[in-house]
Amino acid sequence: MDHFGRIDILHNNAGYGATKEAELLTDDEWNKTVDVDLTGTFKMSRAVAREAMIPQKYGRIINTASMFGLVGTMATPTSPYAAAKGGVVNLTRQLAAEWAKYNITVNAICPGTFPTELTRSTIDNDEYKAYTKTVVPVGRSGVDGELDSTVVYLASPKSSYVTGQAIAVDGGYTCI
């Protein structure tokens, strides 16, 4: 705000995910995942909306959820991540409903598996690649750049009639 005088676009893109069978999870592992993925998304959205977007009557908020916020998986035990990202999906809908009157759109992207610090060792594994070919219609994980156009679209004025949506960018994983 000090430098530009306004904030038009917020992309909540932090993520963390404990991967352990639910019955073995500690409360700390659960809490860290929910705090980063869901509570962090809420706090950033609230702060930016309150301080910038509501006063200026304009904004685009894009939340990064996950395909696991839409469906479960048998591949990885990740209940806190799925719960938090499912929460992000519904938080997106609720904030969209509350803030539409301020000309603020709130949407979520729900990526499939993409290479990140958290996933690279898993998706580079031959066993995971074989699994992916059986559960993702396009037969592979995402690659760098394949989320970009969705984020640019949701950030643009051309998406002004799109709000409260969770858009899967997952190679078709959630369609089957």
C-alpha atoms as a PDB file:
ATOM      1  CA  MET A   1       0.000   0.000   0.000  1.00  0.00           C
ATOM      2  CA  ASP A   2       2.819   2.373   0.871  1.00  0.00           C
ATOM      3  CA  HIS A   3       4.541   1.865  -2.483  1.00  0.00           C
ATOM      4  CA  PHE A   4       1.633   1.552  -4.951  1.00  0.00           C
ATOM      5  CA  GLY A   5      -1.246   3.060  -2.972  1.00  0.00           C
ATOM      6  CA  ARG A   6      -3.569   0.135  -3.710  1.00  0.00           C
ATOM      7  CA  ILE A   7      -3.832  -3.631  -4.021  1.00  0.00           C
ATOM      8  CA  ASP A   8      -5.895  -4.949  -6.912  1.00  0.00           C
ATOM      9  CA  ILE A   9      -4.891  -8.616  -6.903  1.00  0.00           C
ATOM     10  CA  LEU A  10      -4.157 -11.035  -4.084  1.00  0.00           C
ATOM     11  CA  HIS A  11      -2.993 -14.562  -4.849  1.00  0.00           C
ATOM     12  CA  ASN A  12      -2.978 -16.698  -1.708  1.00  0.00           C
ATOM     13  CA  ASN A  13      -0.481 -19.359  -2.715  1.00  0.00           C
ATOM     14  CA  ALA A  14       1.215 -20.620   0.450  1.00  0.00           C
ATOM     15  CA  GLY A  15       0.909 -24.293   1.142  1.00  0.00           C
ATOM     16  CA  TYR A  16       2.003 -27.034   3.470  1.00  0.00           C
ATOM     17  CA  GLY A  17       0.906 -30.608   3.842  1.00  0.00           C
ATOM     18  CA  ALA A  18       1.561 -33.253   6.452  1.00  0.00           C
ATOM     19  CA  THR A  19       1.534 -36.701   4.855  1.00  0.00           C
ATOM     20  CA  LYS A  20       0.895 -39.412   7.361  1.00  0.00           C
ATOM     21  CA  GLU A  21      -1.932 -41.811   8.079  1.00  0.00           C
ATOM     22  CA  ALA A  22      -4.690 -39.995   9.972  1.00  0.00           C
ATOM     23  CA  GLU A  23      -4.461 -42.266  12.981  1.00  0.00           C
ATOM     24  CA  LEU A  24      -0.741 -41.453  13.350  1.00  0.00           C
ATOM     25  CA  LEU A  25      -0.971 -37.661  12.949  1.00  0.00           C
ATOM     26  CA  THR A  26      -0.071 -35.443  15.847  1.00  0.00           C
ATOM     27  CA  ASP A  27      -2.130 -32.403  16.737  1.00  0.00           C
ATOM     28  CA  ASP A  28       0.855 -30.222  15.818  1.00  0.00           C
ATOM     29  CA  GLU A  29       1.033 -31.726  12.303  1.00  0.00           C
ATOM     30  CA  TRP A  30      -2.696 -31.167  11.829  1.00  0.00           C
ATOM     31  CA  ASN A  31      -2.571 -27.624  13.203  1.00  0.00           C
ATOM     32  CA  LYS A  32       0.428 -26.533  11.111  1.00  0.00           C
ATOM     33  CA  THR A  33      -1.245 -27.658   7.902  1.00  0.00           C
ATOM     34  CA  VAL A  34      -4.584 -26.020   8.708  1.00  0.00           C
ATOM     35  CA  ASP A  35      -2.855 -22.859   9.965  1.00  0.00           C
ATOM     36  CA  VAL A  36      -0.799 -22.392   6.791  1.00  0.00           C
ATOM     37  CA  ASP A  37      -3.310 -23.544   4.193  1.00  0.00           C
ATOM     38  CA  LEU A  38      -6.656 -22.346   5.554  1.00  0.00           C
ATOM     39  CA  THR A  39      -6.112 -19.847   8.354  1.00  0.00           C
ATOM     40  CA  GLY A  40      -3.343 -18.071   6.429  1.00  0.00           C
ATOM     41  CA  THR A  41      -5.610 -17.742   3.384  1.00  0.00           C
ATOM     42  CA  PHE A  42      -8.364 -16.267   5.540  1.00  0.00           C
ATOM     43  CA  LYS A  43      -6.081 -13.815   7.358  1.00  0.00           C
ATOM     44  CA  MET A  44      -4.461 -12.504   4.165  1.00  0.00           C
ATOM     45  CA  SER A  45      -7.815 -12.171   2.416  1.00  0.00           C
ATOM     46  CA  ARG A  46      -9.346 -10.364   5.376  1.00  0.00           C
ATOM     47  CA  ALA A  47      -6.431  -7.944   5.734  1.00  0.00           C
ATOM     48  CA  VAL A  48      -6.187  -7.070   2.043  1.00  0.00           C
ATOM     49  CA  ALA A  49      -9.962  -6.759   1.635  1.00  0.00           C
ATOM     50  CA  ARG A  50     -10.305  -4.570   4.719  1.00  0.00           C
ATOM     51  CA  GLU A  51      -7.324  -2.304   4.051  1.00  0.00           C
ATOM     52  CA  ALA A  52      -7.382  -2.035   0.260  1.00  0.00           C
ATOM     53  CA  MET A  53     -10.084  -3.740  -1.779  1.00  0.00           C
ATOM     54  CA  ILE A  54     -13.242  -2.780   0.119  1.00  0.00           C
ATOM     55  CA  PRO A  55     -12.269   0.911   0.343  1.00  0.00           C
ATOM     56  CA  GLN A  56     -11.369   1.032  -3.363  1.00  0.00           C
ATOM     57  CA  LYS A  57     -14.438  -1.065  -4.349  1.00  0.00           C
ATOM     58  CA  TYR A  58     -12.372  -3.417  -6.521  1.00  0.00           C
ATOM     59  CA  GLY A  59     -10.294  -6.528  -6.186  1.00  0.00           C
ATOM     60  CA  ARG A  60      -9.422  -9.973  -7.411  1.00  0.00           C
ATOM     61  CA  ILE A  61      -8.595 -12.658  -4.854  1.00  0.00           C
ATOM     62  CA  ILE A  62      -7.284 -15.973  -6.128  1.00  0.00           C
ATOM     63  CA  ASN A  63      -6.840 -18.765  -3.616  1.00  0.00           C
ATOM     64  CA  THR A  64      -4.754 -21.824  -4.337  1.00  0.00           C
ATOM     65  CA  ALA A  65      -6.679 -24.838  -3.094  1.00  0.00           C
ATOM     66  CA  SER A  66      -6.016 -28.305  -4.525  1.00  0.00           C
ATOM     67  CA  MET A  67      -7.706 -31.105  -6.395  1.00  0.00           C
ATOM     68  CA  PHE A  68      -7.628 -32.763  -2.960  1.00  0.00           C
ATOM     69  CA  GLY A  69      -9.906 -29.980  -1.741  1.00  0.00           C
ATOM     70  CA  LEU A  70     -12.482 -31.414  -4.151  1.00  0.00           C
ATOM     71  CA  VAL A  71     -11.918 -35.175  -3.863  1.00  0.00           C
ATOM     72  CA  GLY A  72     -10.036 -37.642  -1.707  1.00  0.00           C
ATOM     73  CA  THR A  73      -7.110 -39.817  -2.697  1.00  0.00           C
ATOM     74  CA  MET A  74      -5.861 -43.277  -1.902  1.00  0.00           C
ATOM     75  CA  ALA A  75      -2.351 -42.465  -3.164  1.00  0.00           C
ATOM     76  CA  THR A  76      -1.171 -40.339  -0.249  1.00  0.00           C
ATOM     77  CA  PRO A  77      -2.433 -40.173   3.328  1.00  0.00           C
ATOM     78  CA  THR A  78      -3.037 -36.460   3.662  1.00  0.00           C
ATOM     79  CA  SER A  79      -6.179 -35.759   5.664  1.00  0.00           C
ATOM     80  CA  PRO A  80      -5.097 -32.378   7.113  1.00  0.00           C
ATOM     81  CA  TYR A  81      -4.135 -31.098   3.665  1.00  0.00           C
ATOM     82  CA  ALA A  82      -7.380 -32.307   2.081  1.00  0.00           C
ATOM     83  CA  ALA A  83      -9.424 -30.837   4.927  1.00  0.00           C
ATOM     84  CA  ALA A  84      -7.626 -27.488   4.792  1.00  0.00           C
ATOM     85  CA  LYS A  85      -7.846 -27.223   0.999  1.00  0.00           C
ATOM     86  CA  GLY A  86     -11.524 -28.223   1.102  1.00  0.00           C
ATOM     87  CA  GLY A  87     -11.923 -25.419   3.611  1.00  0.00           C
ATOM     88  CA  VAL A  88     -10.212 -23.044   1.175  1.00  0.00           C
ATOM     89  CA  VAL A  89     -12.732 -24.031  -1.510  1.00  0.00           C
ATOM     90  CA  ASN A  90     -15.701 -23.214   0.723  1.00  0.00           C
ATOM     91  CA  LEU A  91     -14.023 -20.131   2.214  1.00  0.00           C
ATOM     92  CA  THR A  92     -13.644 -18.935  -1.384  1.00  0.00           C
ATOM     93  CA  ARG A  93     -17.379 -19.345  -1.969  1.00  0.00           C
ATOM     94  CA  GLN A  94     -18.307 -17.558   1.242  1.00  0.00           C
ATOM     95  CA  LEU A  95     -15.966 -14.607   0.735  1.00  0.00           C
ATOM     96  CA  ALA A  96     -17.191 -14.306  -2.866  1.00  0.00           C
ATOM     97  CA  ALA A  97     -20.761 -14.059  -1.586  1.00  0.00           C
ATOM     98  CA  GLU A  98     -19.865 -11.508   1.090  1.00  0.00           C
ATOM     99  CA  TRP A  99     -17.603  -9.276  -0.985  1.00  0.00           C
ATOM    100  CA  ALA A 100     -19.317  -9.237  -4.392  1.00  0.00           C
ATOM    101  CA  LYS A 101     -21.089  -6.025  -3.333  1.00  0.00           C
ATOM    102  CA  TYR A 102     -17.642  -4.382  -3.249  1.00  0.00           C
ATOM    103  CA  ASN A 103     -16.771  -5.516  -6.786  1.00  0.00           C
ATOM    104  CA  ILE A 104     -14.339  -8.081  -5.375  1.00  0.00           C
ATOM    105  CA  THR A 105     -14.224 -11.491  -6.995  1.00  0.00           C
ATOM    106  CA  VAL A 106     -12.903 -14.448  -5.028  1.00  0.00           C
ATOM    107  CA  ASN A 107     -12.023 -17.662  -6.843  1.00  0.00           C
ATOM    108  CA  ALA A 108      -9.873 -20.718  -6.276  1.00  0.00           C
ATOM    109  CA  ILE A 109      -7.650 -22.759  -8.497  1.00  0.00           C
ATOM    110  CA  CYS A 110      -7.410 -26.437  -7.624  1.00  0.00           C
ATOM    111  CA  PRO A 111      -4.148 -27.706  -9.080  1.00  0.00           C
ATOM    112  CA  GLY A 112      -3.377 -31.315  -9.650  1.00  0.00           C
ATOM    113  CA  THR A 113       0.133 -32.537  -8.993  1.00  0.00           C
ATOM    114  CA  PHE A 114       2.759 -30.021 -10.091  1.00  0.00           C
ATOM    115  CA  PRO A 115       6.496 -29.918  -9.373  1.00  0.00           C
ATOM    116  CA  THR A 116       7.162 -27.946  -6.182  1.00  0.00           C
ATOM    117  CA  GLU A 117       9.572 -28.249  -3.292  1.00  0.00           C
ATOM    118  CA  LEU A 118       6.966 -30.376  -1.522  1.00  0.00           C
ATOM    119  CA  THR A 119       6.144 -32.698  -4.430  1.00  0.00           C
ATOM    120  CA  ARG A 120       9.197 -32.985  -6.666  1.00  0.00           C
ATOM    121  CA  SER A 121      10.667 -36.104  -5.011  1.00  0.00           C
ATOM    122  CA  THR A 122       7.288 -37.845  -5.188  1.00  0.00           C
ATOM    123  CA  ILE A 123       6.351 -37.038  -8.773  1.00  0.00           C
ATOM    124  CA  ASP A 124       9.818 -37.861 -10.123  1.00  0.00           C
ATOM    125  CA  ASN A 125       9.418 -41.398  -8.769  1.00  0.00           C
ATOM    126  CA  ASP A 126       8.772 -44.059 -11.451  1.00  0.00           C
ATOM    127  CA  GLU A 127       6.086 -45.719  -9.324  1.00  0.00           C
ATOM    128  CA  TYR A 128       4.187 -42.427  -8.996  1.00  0.00           C
ATOM    129  CA  LYS A 129       4.510 -41.734 -12.723  1.00  0.00           C
ATOM    130  CA  ALA A 130       2.972 -45.154 -13.455  1.00  0.00           C
ATOM    131  CA  TYR A 131       0.175 -44.454 -10.954  1.00  0.00           C
ATOM    132  CA  THR A 132      -0.476 -41.058 -12.564  1.00  0.00           C
ATOM    133  CA  LYS A 133      -0.964 -42.698 -15.958  1.00  0.00           C
ATOM    134  CA  THR A 134      -3.840 -44.708 -14.490  1.00  0.00           C
ATOM    135  CA  VAL A 135      -5.673 -41.924 -12.605  1.00  0.00           C
ATOM    136  CA  VAL A 136      -5.062 -38.732 -14.618  1.00  0.00           C
ATOM    137  CA  PRO A 137      -6.732 -38.731 -18.039  1.00  0.00           C
ATOM    138  CA  VAL A 138      -3.877 -36.759 -19.646  1.00  0.00           C
ATOM    139  CA  GLY A 139      -1.493 -39.342 -18.184  1.00  0.00           C
ATOM    140  CA  ARG A 140       0.987 -37.095 -16.395  1.00  0.00           C
ATOM    141  CA  SER A 141       1.546 -34.493 -13.716  1.00  0.00           C
ATOM    142  CA  GLY A 142       1.367 -30.807 -14.548  1.00  0.00           C
ATOM    143  CA  VAL A 143       4.398 -28.872 -15.731  1.00  0.00           C
ATOM    144  CA  ASP A 144       5.615 -25.368 -15.003  1.00  0.00           C
ATOM    145  CA  GLY A 145       3.448 -22.757 -16.711  1.00  0.00           C
ATOM    146  CA  GLU A 146       0.218 -24.748 -16.955  1.00  0.00           C
ATOM    147  CA  LEU A 147      -1.420 -22.860 -14.067  1.00  0.00           C
ATOM    148  CA  ASP A 148      -0.418 -19.433 -15.373  1.00  0.00           C
ATOM    149  CA  SER A 149      -3.284 -18.787 -17.791  1.00  0.00           C
ATOM    150  CA  THR A 150      -5.918 -19.629 -15.166  1.00  0.00           C
ATOM    151  CA  VAL A 151      -4.374 -17.233 -12.659  1.00  0.00           C
ATOM    152  CA  VAL A 152      -4.030 -14.476 -15.295  1.00  0.00           C
ATOM    153  CA  TYR A 153      -7.661 -14.964 -16.362  1.00  0.00           C
ATOM    154  CA  LEU A 154      -8.983 -14.793 -12.789  1.00  0.00           C
ATOM    155  CA  ALA A 155      -6.867 -11.693 -12.104  1.00  0.00           C
ATOM    156  CA  SER A 156      -8.091  -9.852 -15.192  1.00  0.00           C
ATOM    157  CA  PRO A 157     -11.069  -7.506 -15.552  1.00  0.00           C
ATOM    158  CA  LYS A 158     -12.405  -9.949 -18.192  1.00  0.00           C
ATOM    159  CA  SER A 159     -13.353 -12.381 -15.403  1.00  0.00           C
ATOM    160  CA  SER A 160     -15.606  -9.898 -13.593  1.00  0.00           C
ATOM    161  CA  TYR A 161     -18.624 -12.250 -13.795  1.00  0.00           C
ATOM    162  CA  VAL A 162     -16.716 -15.217 -12.368  1.00  0.00           C
ATOM    163  CA  THR A 163     -16.737 -15.439  -8.594  1.00  0.00           C
ATOM    164  CA  GLY A 164     -16.984 -18.173  -5.992  1.00  0.00           C
ATOM    165  CA  GLN A 165     -15.598 -20.776  -8.367  1.00  0.00           C
ATOM    166  CA  ALA A 166     -13.108 -23.577  -7.774  1.00  0.00           C
ATOM    167  CA  ILE A 167     -11.387 -24.326 -11.064  1.00  0.00           C
ATOM    168  CA  ALA A 168      -9.558 -27.630 -11.291  1.00  0.00           C
ATOM    169  CA  VAL A 169      -6.331 -27.556 -13.301  1.00  0.00           C
ATOM    170  CA  ASP A 170      -5.556 -31.221 -12.817  1.00  0.00           C
ATOM    171  CA  GLY A 171      -5.279 -33.038 -16.139  1.00  0.00           C
ATOM    172  CA  GLY A 172      -8.770 -34.406 -15.579  1.00  0.00           C
ATOM    173  CA  TYR A 173      -8.096 -36.125 -12.235  1.00  0.00           C
ATOM    174  CA  THR A 174     -11.326 -34.841 -10.664  1.00  0.00           C
ATOM    175  CA  CYS A 175     -13.506 -35.666 -13.686  1.00  0.00           C
ATOM    176  CA  ILE A 176     -13.290 -39.433 -13.216  1.00  0.00           C
END
